[in-house]
Amino acid sequence: MFGMGLQSAAYIVATILFILSLGGLKDQESAKRAIWYGITGMALAVIATVFGPGVQNVWLIILAIAAGGFAGYYIAGKVQMTEMPQLVAALHSFVGLAAVFIGLNADIMLGAVTEMRASGMTMDEADLTGFGELLWMKTFVEVNILRVEVFLGIFIGAVTFTGSVIAYGKLAGQVDGKPKQLPGGHMLNLGALILCLVLGLLYFNGAGIWTIFLVALIAGFIGYHLIMGIGGADMPVVVSMLNSYSGWAAAAIGFTLGNDLLIVTGALVGSSGAILSYIMCKAMNRQFVSVILGGFGGASGPQQAVEGNMVPTDVDSVADALKEADSVIIVPGYGMAVAQAQQAVSELTKKLRDAGKTVRFAIHPVAGRLPGHMNVLLAEAKVPYDIVLEMDEINDDFPKTDVVIVIGSNDIVNPAANDDPNSPIAGMPVLHVWEANQVFVSKRGQGTGYSGIENPLFFKENTRMLYGDAKDSVQAVLQKL
């Protein structure tokens, strides 16, 4: 068993490992090592907590950890890279739900301890350990602070839970990706928030557990309505934002339980998720507050009509263009992930580079449906890190590029972001692929994609459409080369 001193030391080491893990994720070369830092830190944290002072029913806890660990291992092994965004959203929902349950349990235990003290029992007679002992030692002021912590943990946790479930549904295609809100829109959210605050005040003044139970239900509605009001184009920001919410929920519950490591870990997750959300909003020319309040993704007026026709092409034409090109830029998107074409794209890259051609990748900050989604796919296919460039590093090079191949991207290469003030993505920085000499777009069909926004790029004179499965198309081009 861990004593208090040894447990505190283990928590400090785990905290350092978590910080090193976050710091190591700054580039692909150190990311693998950083993940092991995080795994080691979490294992140490769990062991120090389970075998720490005051913990009862250890074998039941170990059994639950084993069951959860096996379930996580099995599910993660079955999930394809294309499904990773919705898996992340689902995992966020578990954090939120755990925060709600812990908050409710804390109030139940607080009520039990309060009754014991009121009956005249001594602490020895109560025979309390762990969290129960911590509650017994709290003063009147500290109990009121605990109630605030419980309220915040339950509120944020419930918002995170239902919001993450809806995000999962949208990312998995089981819920319509278009923004939808009930009549009243933001005023309905504001009214629900005010009602939660009123219930919180009642709870603070001893009204009973029914108040925070209602808070959980109303906050759950807020989470549902917020994410339903966010369009598909903003879903990468939503995933990052829910990550932040889950961190703050964990930090609030850390205060409730008096667990310093949970406070620090939750703060790390919450702050890093908020910073990432802000960076992504900046990359999409979104207002951070507007996105987190929902309602983005809809046009503000009539969009410009797209003139012309999509001109199809064939594998032979793409292969001929690549043979003649000196410089090639490949722009991957979610369509590449869906088709699992990253390995074929890697082979195409190697063949072109072996032929003496300059090949690079252009990665938009919100390509795919998860921050860094494309980087992970390309790293998995062993594409060299040094030719995978961010938007700001490569956007000025398109006019000097012979051929651009767009694989399954829509919004991030959409010129309407620059040209149409009424477009849902107006003002969003995009990759200027249309400035290249030739553009080939690998696409399944003529649809508008996940966000439902038409793309004038597909109708430009220097653009040709290569219809079909991306993996099959790239492999066919490889054979022609």
Protein backbone atom coordinates (compact mmCIF):
# COMPACT_ATOMS: atom_id res chain seq x y z
CA MET A 1 0.00 0.00 0.00
CA PHE A 2 1.11 3.55 -0.75
CA GLY A 3 1.46 5.91 2.21
CA MET A 4 0.54 9.58 1.87
CA GLY A 5 4.15 10.60 1.23
CA LEU A 6 4.79 7.91 -1.36
CA GLN A 7 1.48 8.64 -3.07
CA SER A 8 2.29 12.35 -3.28
CA ALA A 9 5.70 11.53 -4.77
CA ALA A 10 4.08 9.24 -7.34
CA TYR A 11 1.61 12.00 -8.24
CA ILE A 12 4.46 14.47 -8.77
CA VAL A 13 6.28 12.04 -11.07
CA ALA A 14 3.04 11.34 -12.98
CA THR A 15 2.44 15.08 -13.40
CA ILE A 16 5.94 15.56 -14.82
CA LEU A 17 5.37 12.68 -17.25
CA PHE A 18 2.06 14.20 -18.40
CA ILE A 19 3.75 17.55 -19.04
CA LEU A 20 6.56 15.82 -20.96
CA SER A 21 3.91 13.94 -22.94
CA LEU A 22 2.13 17.12 -23.98
CA GLY A 23 5.42 18.82 -24.83
CA GLY A 24 6.56 15.88 -26.94
CA LEU A 25 3.46 16.01 -29.13
CA LYS A 26 4.73 19.20 -30.77
CA ASP A 27 6.25 17.25 -33.68
CA GLN A 28 6.02 13.81 -35.23
CA GLU A 29 9.57 12.76 -34.37
CA SER A 30 9.00 12.96 -30.60
CA ALA A 31 5.30 12.02 -30.57
CA LYS A 32 5.81 8.28 -30.13
CA ARG A 33 8.06 8.82 -27.10
CA ALA A 34 5.59 11.37 -25.74
CA ILE A 35 2.75 8.83 -25.88
CA TRP A 36 4.79 6.41 -23.77
CA TYR A 37 5.39 9.19 -21.24
CA GLY A 38 1.62 9.60 -20.99
CA ILE A 39 0.98 5.86 -20.69
CA THR A 40 3.61 5.49 -17.97
CA GLY A 41 2.31 8.51 -16.08
CA MET A 42 -1.29 7.26 -16.16
CA ALA A 43 -0.28 3.76 -15.06
CA LEU A 44 1.65 5.23 -12.13
CA ALA A 45 -1.27 7.50 -11.22
CA VAL A 46 -3.77 4.63 -11.23
CA ILE A 47 -1.53 2.37 -9.13
CA ALA A 48 -0.80 5.13 -6.60
CA THR A 49 -4.51 5.91 -6.30
CA VAL A 50 -5.86 2.37 -6.08
CA PHE A 51 -3.27 1.29 -3.52
CA GLY A 52 -3.29 4.61 -1.69
CA PRO A 53 -4.48 5.24 1.87
CA GLY A 54 -8.17 4.89 2.67
CA VAL A 55 -9.14 2.91 -0.45
CA GLN A 56 -11.53 0.02 0.19
CA ASN A 57 -12.73 -2.88 -1.97
CA VAL A 58 -9.43 -2.84 -3.88
CA TRP A 59 -10.08 -6.13 -5.65
CA LEU A 60 -13.41 -4.88 -6.99
CA ILE A 61 -11.63 -1.78 -8.30
CA ILE A 62 -8.90 -3.91 -9.91
CA LEU A 63 -11.58 -6.08 -11.53
CA ALA A 64 -13.32 -2.99 -12.91
CA ILE A 65 -10.00 -1.60 -14.21
CA ALA A 66 -9.20 -4.93 -15.88
CA ALA A 67 -12.63 -5.05 -17.53
CA GLY A 68 -12.36 -1.44 -18.69
CA GLY A 69 -8.79 -1.95 -19.89
CA PHE A 70 -9.76 -4.99 -21.93
CA ALA A 71 -12.75 -3.18 -23.42
CA GLY A 72 -10.54 -0.21 -24.37
CA TYR A 73 -7.89 -2.48 -25.89
CA TYR A 74 -10.47 -4.43 -27.88
CA ILE A 75 -12.35 -1.37 -29.16
CA ALA A 76 -9.19 0.54 -30.06
CA GLY A 77 -7.92 -2.49 -31.99
CA LYS A 78 -11.15 -2.72 -34.00
CA VAL A 79 -11.47 1.00 -34.79
CA GLN A 80 -10.17 2.16 -38.17
CA MET A 81 -8.26 5.43 -38.51
CA THR A 82 -11.30 6.84 -40.31
CA GLU A 83 -13.32 6.28 -37.13
CA MET A 84 -10.79 7.83 -34.77
CA PRO A 85 -12.58 11.22 -34.50
CA GLN A 86 -15.82 9.65 -33.30
CA LEU A 87 -13.89 7.38 -30.92
CA VAL A 88 -12.27 10.43 -29.34
CA ALA A 89 -15.70 12.07 -28.99
CA ALA A 90 -17.07 8.91 -27.38
CA LEU A 91 -14.20 8.80 -24.88
CA HIS A 92 -14.88 12.42 -23.93
CA SER A 93 -18.47 11.44 -23.13
CA PHE A 94 -17.22 8.87 -20.59
CA VAL A 95 -15.23 11.54 -18.76
CA GLY A 96 -18.31 13.75 -18.56
CA LEU A 97 -20.54 10.94 -17.34
CA ALA A 98 -17.96 9.94 -14.72
CA ALA A 99 -17.90 13.52 -13.44
CA VAL A 100 -21.71 13.48 -13.05
CA PHE A 101 -21.71 10.17 -11.16
CA ILE A 102 -18.85 11.21 -8.86
CA GLY A 103 -20.58 14.51 -8.10
CA LEU A 104 -23.86 12.79 -7.23
CA ASN A 105 -22.02 10.21 -5.12
CA ALA A 106 -20.12 12.97 -3.29
CA ASP A 107 -23.39 14.64 -2.32
CA ILE A 108 -24.86 11.34 -1.10
CA MET A 109 -21.78 10.73 1.06
CA LEU A 110 -21.86 14.31 2.33
CA GLY A 111 -25.46 13.80 3.43
CA ALA A 112 -24.55 10.57 5.22
CA VAL A 113 -21.58 12.14 7.04
CA THR A 114 -23.67 15.18 8.00
CA GLU A 115 -26.31 12.90 9.56
CA MET A 116 -23.64 11.03 11.52
CA ARG A 117 -22.24 14.25 12.93
CA ALA A 118 -25.72 15.55 13.76
CA SER A 119 -26.51 12.36 15.68
CA GLY A 120 -23.57 13.00 18.00
CA MET A 121 -21.31 10.24 16.70
CA THR A 122 -17.57 10.66 17.04
CA MET A 123 -15.19 10.13 14.14
CA ASP A 124 -13.93 6.88 15.70
CA GLU A 125 -17.48 5.57 16.00
CA ALA A 126 -18.22 6.53 12.39
CA ASP A 127 -15.17 4.48 11.29
CA LEU A 128 -14.71 6.50 8.13
CA THR A 129 -11.77 6.23 5.72
CA GLY A 130 -10.71 7.92 2.52
CA PHE A 131 -13.22 10.40 1.11
CA GLY A 132 -15.59 9.89 4.04
CA GLU A 133 -12.86 10.92 6.47
CA LEU A 134 -12.08 13.95 4.29
CA LEU A 135 -15.75 15.01 4.44
CA TRP A 136 -15.85 14.59 8.24
CA MET A 137 -12.92 16.96 8.65
CA LYS A 138 -14.46 19.76 6.56
CA THR A 139 -15.68 22.94 8.22
CA PHE A 140 -18.97 24.67 7.39
CA VAL A 141 -17.23 26.95 4.88
CA GLU A 142 -15.38 24.03 3.30
CA VAL A 143 -18.64 22.09 2.92
CA ASN A 144 -20.15 25.03 1.04
CA ILE A 145 -17.10 25.20 -1.21
CA LEU A 146 -17.52 21.46 -1.82
CA ARG A 147 -21.10 22.06 -2.94
CA VAL A 148 -19.88 24.61 -5.49
CA GLU A 149 -17.32 22.08 -6.76
CA VAL A 150 -19.99 19.39 -7.03
CA PHE A 151 -22.30 21.74 -8.93
CA LEU A 152 -19.56 22.74 -11.40
CA GLY A 153 -18.43 19.13 -11.90
CA ILE A 154 -21.95 17.91 -12.60
CA PHE A 155 -22.82 20.85 -14.85
CA ILE A 156 -19.68 20.66 -16.99
CA GLY A 157 -19.76 16.86 -16.98
CA ALA A 158 -23.37 16.70 -18.21
CA VAL A 159 -22.69 19.25 -20.98
CA THR A 160 -19.62 17.22 -22.00
CA PHE A 161 -21.50 13.92 -21.97
CA THR A 162 -24.45 14.82 -24.18
CA GLY A 163 -22.38 17.14 -26.37
CA SER A 164 -19.88 14.35 -27.01
CA VAL A 165 -22.65 11.86 -27.81
CA ILE A 166 -24.07 14.24 -30.45
CA ALA A 167 -20.55 14.93 -31.78
CA TYR A 168 -20.04 11.18 -32.09
CA GLY A 169 -23.32 10.86 -33.98
CA LYS A 170 -22.42 13.66 -36.39
CA LEU A 171 -18.93 12.34 -37.03
CA ALA A 172 -20.22 8.81 -37.54
CA GLY A 173 -22.91 10.04 -39.95
CA GLN A 174 -25.71 8.86 -37.65
CA VAL A 175 -26.84 12.44 -36.93
CA ASP A 176 -27.33 15.07 -39.64
CA GLY A 177 -24.20 17.23 -39.85
CA LYS A 178 -26.15 20.39 -40.67
CA PRO A 179 -26.63 22.90 -37.82
CA LYS A 180 -30.05 22.58 -36.20
CA GLN A 181 -31.53 24.40 -33.23
CA LEU A 182 -34.92 24.38 -31.54
CA PRO A 183 -37.12 27.51 -31.72
CA GLY A 184 -35.57 30.13 -29.51
CA GLY A 185 -32.00 29.13 -30.36
CA HIS A 186 -29.47 30.81 -28.11
CA MET A 187 -32.16 32.26 -25.82
CA LEU A 188 -33.23 28.71 -25.02
CA ASN A 189 -29.64 27.88 -24.04
CA LEU A 190 -29.43 31.05 -21.95
CA GLY A 191 -32.70 30.23 -20.18
CA ALA A 192 -31.45 26.71 -19.40
CA LEU A 193 -28.20 28.15 -18.03
CA ILE A 194 -30.06 30.59 -15.77
CA LEU A 195 -32.28 27.78 -14.51
CA CYS A 196 -29.15 25.72 -13.68
CA LEU A 197 -27.73 28.67 -11.72
CA VAL A 198 -30.99 29.04 -9.77
CA LEU A 199 -30.98 25.33 -8.96
CA GLY A 200 -27.33 25.65 -7.96
CA LEU A 201 -28.21 28.39 -5.49
CA LEU A 202 -30.99 26.24 -4.05
CA TYR A 203 -28.57 23.33 -3.70
CA PHE A 204 -26.00 25.60 -2.07
CA ASN A 205 -28.63 26.56 0.51
CA GLY A 206 -29.45 22.95 1.35
CA ALA A 207 -32.46 22.23 -0.88
CA GLY A 208 -31.35 18.63 -1.47
CA ILE A 209 -29.94 16.31 -4.11
CA TRP A 210 -32.94 16.76 -6.42
CA THR A 211 -31.57 20.17 -7.40
CA ILE A 212 -28.28 18.89 -8.82
CA PHE A 213 -30.06 15.94 -10.39
CA LEU A 214 -32.16 18.47 -12.33
CA VAL A 215 -28.97 20.44 -13.08
CA ALA A 216 -27.53 17.29 -14.67
CA LEU A 217 -30.63 16.86 -16.86
CA ILE A 218 -30.81 20.53 -17.92
CA ALA A 219 -27.05 20.75 -18.54
CA GLY A 220 -27.37 17.59 -20.63
CA PHE A 221 -29.93 19.40 -22.77
CA ILE A 222 -27.56 22.37 -23.12
CA GLY A 223 -24.78 20.08 -24.35
CA TYR A 224 -27.14 18.43 -26.83
CA HIS A 225 -28.50 21.73 -28.15
CA LEU A 226 -25.09 23.41 -28.37
CA ILE A 227 -23.52 20.70 -30.52
CA MET A 228 -26.64 20.23 -32.65
CA GLY A 229 -26.30 23.91 -33.54
CA ILE A 230 -22.75 23.50 -34.88
CA GLY A 231 -22.27 22.62 -38.55
CA GLY A 232 -20.10 19.92 -40.04
CA ALA A 233 -17.43 22.37 -41.16
CA ASP A 234 -16.71 23.17 -37.50
CA MET A 235 -16.62 19.60 -36.17
CA PRO A 236 -12.80 19.47 -35.76
CA VAL A 237 -13.12 22.47 -33.43
CA VAL A 238 -15.97 20.75 -31.59
CA VAL A 239 -13.84 17.66 -30.86
CA SER A 240 -11.07 19.86 -29.47
CA MET A 241 -13.56 21.95 -27.48
CA LEU A 242 -15.16 18.86 -25.90
CA ASN A 243 -11.68 17.69 -24.99
CA SER A 244 -11.28 20.95 -23.07
CA TYR A 245 -14.68 20.53 -21.38
CA SER A 246 -13.77 17.01 -20.24
CA GLY A 247 -10.56 18.36 -18.71
CA TRP A 248 -12.36 21.06 -16.72
CA ALA A 249 -14.94 18.51 -15.56
CA ALA A 250 -12.10 16.29 -14.31
CA ALA A 251 -10.43 19.25 -12.56
CA ALA A 252 -13.69 20.20 -10.80
CA ILE A 253 -14.13 16.64 -9.56
CA GLY A 254 -10.46 16.65 -8.49
CA PHE A 255 -11.27 19.53 -6.16
CA THR A 256 -14.29 17.62 -4.87
CA LEU A 257 -12.25 14.50 -4.10
CA GLY A 258 -9.23 16.42 -2.85
CA ASN A 259 -7.09 14.69 -5.50
CA ASP A 260 -4.23 16.98 -6.54
CA LEU A 261 -3.23 14.87 -9.54
CA LEU A 262 -6.76 14.93 -10.95
CA ILE A 263 -6.81 18.71 -10.58
CA VAL A 264 -3.48 19.12 -12.39
CA THR A 265 -4.31 16.59 -15.12
CA GLY A 266 -7.75 18.11 -15.70
CA ALA A 267 -6.24 21.59 -15.91
CA LEU A 268 -3.64 20.38 -18.42
CA VAL A 269 -6.30 18.78 -20.61
CA GLY A 270 -8.72 21.68 -20.22
CA SER A 271 -6.21 24.41 -21.01
CA SER A 272 -4.51 22.57 -23.88
CA GLY A 273 -7.89 21.76 -25.45
CA ALA A 274 -9.00 25.39 -25.13
CA ILE A 275 -5.76 26.64 -26.68
CA LEU A 276 -6.05 24.16 -29.55
CA SER A 277 -9.67 25.19 -30.11
CA TYR A 278 -8.61 28.83 -30.27
CA ILE A 279 -5.80 28.06 -32.73
CA MET A 280 -8.18 26.10 -34.94
CA CYS A 281 -10.80 28.85 -34.82
CA LYS A 282 -8.11 31.30 -35.90
CA ALA A 283 -7.15 28.95 -38.74
CA MET A 284 -10.81 28.89 -39.85
CA ASN A 285 -11.40 32.61 -39.28
CA ARG A 286 -14.03 31.78 -36.66
CA GLN A 287 -14.81 33.67 -33.48
CA PHE A 288 -14.02 31.27 -30.62
CA VAL A 289 -16.98 32.39 -28.48
CA SER A 290 -19.35 32.10 -31.43
CA VAL A 291 -18.28 28.53 -32.17
CA ILE A 292 -18.59 27.30 -28.58
CA LEU A 293 -22.05 28.87 -28.33
CA GLY A 294 -23.15 26.98 -31.43
CA GLY A 295 -25.02 28.13 -34.50
CA PHE A 296 -22.11 28.30 -36.95
CA GLY A 297 -22.10 26.51 -40.26
CA GLY A 298 -25.08 28.18 -41.90
CA ALA A 299 -25.02 30.78 -44.64
CA SER A 300 -25.80 34.39 -43.79
CA GLY A 301 -27.34 35.17 -47.19
CA PRO A 302 -27.75 33.81 -50.73
CA GLN A 303 -24.54 32.13 -51.88
CA GLN A 304 -22.99 32.90 -55.24
CA ALA A 305 -24.11 30.64 -58.06
CA VAL A 306 -21.42 28.32 -59.43
CA GLU A 307 -21.09 28.48 -63.20
CA GLY A 308 -19.63 25.88 -65.52
CA ASN A 309 -19.39 22.11 -65.44
CA MET A 310 -17.26 19.57 -63.68
CA VAL A 311 -14.92 18.07 -66.25
CA PRO A 312 -14.09 14.40 -65.65
CA THR A 313 -10.74 12.88 -66.50
CA ASP A 314 -9.18 9.42 -66.52
CA VAL A 315 -6.19 7.66 -65.02
CA ASP A 316 -4.14 7.96 -68.21
CA SER A 317 -4.45 11.75 -68.25
CA VAL A 318 -3.40 12.02 -64.59
CA ALA A 319 -0.42 9.71 -65.16
CA ASP A 320 0.68 11.68 -68.23
CA ALA A 321 0.49 14.96 -66.32
CA LEU A 322 2.57 13.52 -63.47
CA LYS A 323 5.20 12.22 -65.90
CA GLU A 324 5.62 15.72 -67.35
CA ALA A 325 5.50 17.56 -64.01
CA ASP A 326 8.56 18.68 -62.10
CA SER A 327 6.72 19.74 -58.94
CA VAL A 328 3.70 18.05 -57.34
CA ILE A 329 1.70 18.93 -54.23
CA ILE A 330 -0.72 16.42 -52.71
CA VAL A 331 -3.59 17.71 -50.55
CA PRO A 332 -5.13 14.93 -48.43
CA GLY A 333 -8.55 15.13 -46.78
CA TYR A 334 -11.07 12.92 -45.04
CA GLY A 335 -11.80 11.13 -48.33
CA MET A 336 -8.29 9.68 -48.22
CA ALA A 337 -8.99 8.33 -44.73
CA VAL A 338 -12.33 6.83 -45.77
CA ALA A 339 -10.74 5.03 -48.74
CA GLN A 340 -7.69 4.05 -46.63
CA ALA A 341 -5.59 5.32 -49.52
CA GLN A 342 -2.65 6.59 -47.48
CA GLN A 343 -0.43 3.60 -48.30
CA ALA A 344 -1.11 3.93 -52.03
CA VAL A 345 -0.42 7.67 -51.78
CA SER A 346 2.87 6.90 -50.02
CA GLU A 347 3.88 4.52 -52.82
CA LEU A 348 2.94 7.14 -55.42
CA THR A 349 5.07 9.69 -53.58
CA LYS A 350 8.07 7.35 -53.52
CA LYS A 351 7.78 6.57 -57.22
CA LEU A 352 7.56 10.25 -58.18
CA ARG A 353 10.49 11.19 -55.93
CA ASP A 354 12.57 8.33 -57.35
CA ALA A 355 11.89 9.84 -60.77
CA GLY A 356 13.48 13.10 -59.60
CA LYS A 357 10.28 15.06 -59.07
CA THR A 358 9.61 17.38 -56.12
CA VAL A 359 6.66 16.04 -54.13
CA ARG A 360 5.23 17.67 -51.03
CA PHE A 361 2.06 17.47 -48.97
CA ALA A 362 -0.07 20.46 -47.97
CA ILE A 363 -1.87 20.01 -44.64
CA HIS A 364 -4.63 22.37 -43.57
CA PRO A 365 -5.07 22.79 -39.78
CA VAL A 366 -8.57 21.31 -39.93
CA ALA A 367 -8.08 18.67 -42.65
CA GLY A 368 -10.06 15.56 -41.75
CA ARG A 369 -12.31 15.51 -38.70
CA LEU A 370 -9.73 15.60 -35.97
CA PRO A 371 -6.73 17.88 -35.36
CA GLY A 372 -3.65 16.20 -36.86
CA HIS A 373 -5.75 13.50 -38.54
CA MET A 374 -3.89 13.68 -41.88
CA ASN A 375 -0.47 13.86 -40.23
CA VAL A 376 -1.17 10.62 -38.37
CA LEU A 377 -2.34 8.85 -41.52
CA LEU A 378 0.73 9.93 -43.50
CA ALA A 379 3.08 9.00 -40.66
CA GLU A 380 1.39 5.59 -40.51
CA ALA A 381 2.13 5.16 -44.23
CA LYS A 382 5.78 6.21 -43.64
CA VAL A 383 5.64 9.40 -45.66
CA PRO A 384 8.82 11.40 -44.79
CA TYR A 385 8.12 14.10 -42.20
CA ASP A 386 10.12 16.75 -44.02
CA ILE A 387 7.81 16.85 -47.05
CA VAL A 388 4.61 17.21 -44.99
CA LEU A 389 4.07 20.96 -44.69
CA GLU A 390 1.47 23.10 -42.96
CA MET A 391 -0.73 25.55 -44.86
CA ASP A 392 1.29 28.65 -43.95
CA GLU A 393 4.51 26.98 -45.13
CA ILE A 394 3.29 25.97 -48.57
CA ASN A 395 0.39 28.21 -49.60
CA ASP A 396 2.61 30.64 -51.52
CA ASP A 397 4.10 27.83 -53.60
CA PHE A 398 1.00 26.80 -55.55
CA PRO A 399 1.57 29.28 -58.42
CA LYS A 400 4.97 27.62 -59.00
CA THR A 401 3.53 24.08 -58.92
CA ASP A 402 2.86 21.98 -62.01
CA VAL A 403 0.32 19.51 -60.62
CA VAL A 404 -1.83 19.45 -57.48
CA ILE A 405 -3.65 16.27 -56.51
CA VAL A 406 -6.55 16.80 -54.09
CA ILE A 407 -7.66 13.57 -52.43
CA GLY A 408 -11.00 13.77 -50.68
CA SER A 409 -10.86 17.42 -49.59
CA ASN A 410 -13.62 19.98 -49.99
CA ASP A 411 -13.82 22.97 -47.63
CA ILE A 412 -10.06 23.39 -47.15
CA VAL A 413 -9.54 23.96 -50.91
CA ASN A 414 -12.73 25.92 -51.52
CA PRO A 415 -12.15 29.34 -53.19
CA ALA A 416 -15.62 30.45 -52.03
CA ALA A 417 -13.97 31.12 -48.67
CA ASN A 418 -12.20 34.03 -50.38
CA ASP A 419 -14.73 35.04 -53.01
CA ASP A 420 -18.22 34.58 -51.52
CA PRO A 421 -19.02 36.64 -48.39
CA ASN A 422 -22.24 34.65 -47.91
CA SER A 423 -20.51 31.27 -47.92
CA PRO A 424 -20.69 29.36 -44.61
CA ILE A 425 -16.87 29.28 -44.68
CA ALA A 426 -16.39 32.92 -45.77
CA GLY A 427 -13.07 34.27 -44.53
CA MET A 428 -11.66 30.86 -43.67
CA PRO A 429 -8.01 30.55 -44.78
CA VAL A 430 -7.80 27.81 -47.42
CA LEU A 431 -5.17 26.15 -49.57
CA HIS A 432 -4.94 28.05 -52.88
CA VAL A 433 -4.68 24.94 -55.04
CA TRP A 434 -6.44 26.62 -57.99
CA GLU A 435 -3.34 28.78 -58.53
CA ALA A 436 -1.37 25.73 -59.73
CA ASN A 437 -1.00 24.86 -63.41
CA GLN A 438 -3.20 21.73 -63.20
CA VAL A 439 -5.45 20.41 -60.44
CA PHE A 440 -6.76 16.85 -60.24
CA VAL A 441 -9.45 16.11 -57.68
CA SER A 442 -9.98 12.51 -56.58
CA LYS A 443 -13.60 12.27 -55.47
CA ARG A 444 -16.23 9.57 -55.18
CA GLY A 445 -18.97 11.57 -56.90
CA GLN A 446 -20.37 15.03 -57.52
CA GLY A 447 -21.80 15.54 -54.03
CA THR A 448 -21.01 18.54 -51.83
CA GLY A 449 -19.30 16.53 -49.09
CA TYR A 450 -19.81 16.31 -45.33
CA SER A 451 -20.47 20.01 -44.73
CA GLY A 452 -22.83 20.34 -47.71
CA ILE A 453 -21.00 23.36 -49.21
CA GLU A 454 -20.56 23.61 -52.99
CA ASN A 455 -16.98 24.05 -54.19
CA PRO A 456 -16.27 26.31 -57.21
CA LEU A 457 -12.82 24.70 -57.51
CA PHE A 458 -14.41 21.69 -59.15
CA PHE A 459 -15.74 23.90 -61.96
CA LYS A 460 -12.53 25.81 -62.78
CA GLU A 461 -10.87 25.46 -66.18
CA ASN A 462 -7.64 24.00 -64.83
CA THR A 463 -9.43 21.42 -62.64
CA ARG A 464 -10.23 17.87 -63.69
CA MET A 465 -12.27 15.39 -61.67
CA LEU A 466 -11.06 11.82 -61.21
CA TYR A 467 -14.16 10.03 -59.95
CA GLY A 468 -14.03 6.79 -57.98
CA ASP A 469 -12.57 5.30 -54.84
CA ALA A 470 -9.39 7.19 -53.93
CA LYS A 471 -7.37 4.07 -53.17
CA ASP A 472 -8.34 2.40 -56.45
CA SER A 473 -7.67 5.60 -58.40
CA VAL A 474 -4.20 6.14 -56.93
CA GLN A 475 -3.25 2.51 -57.45
CA ALA A 476 -4.42 2.75 -61.07
CA VAL A 477 -2.25 5.84 -61.58
CA LEU A 478 0.68 3.95 -60.06
CA GLN A 479 0.30 1.17 -62.61
CA LYS A 480 0.35 3.68 -65.46
CA LEU A 481 3.57 5.20 -64.12
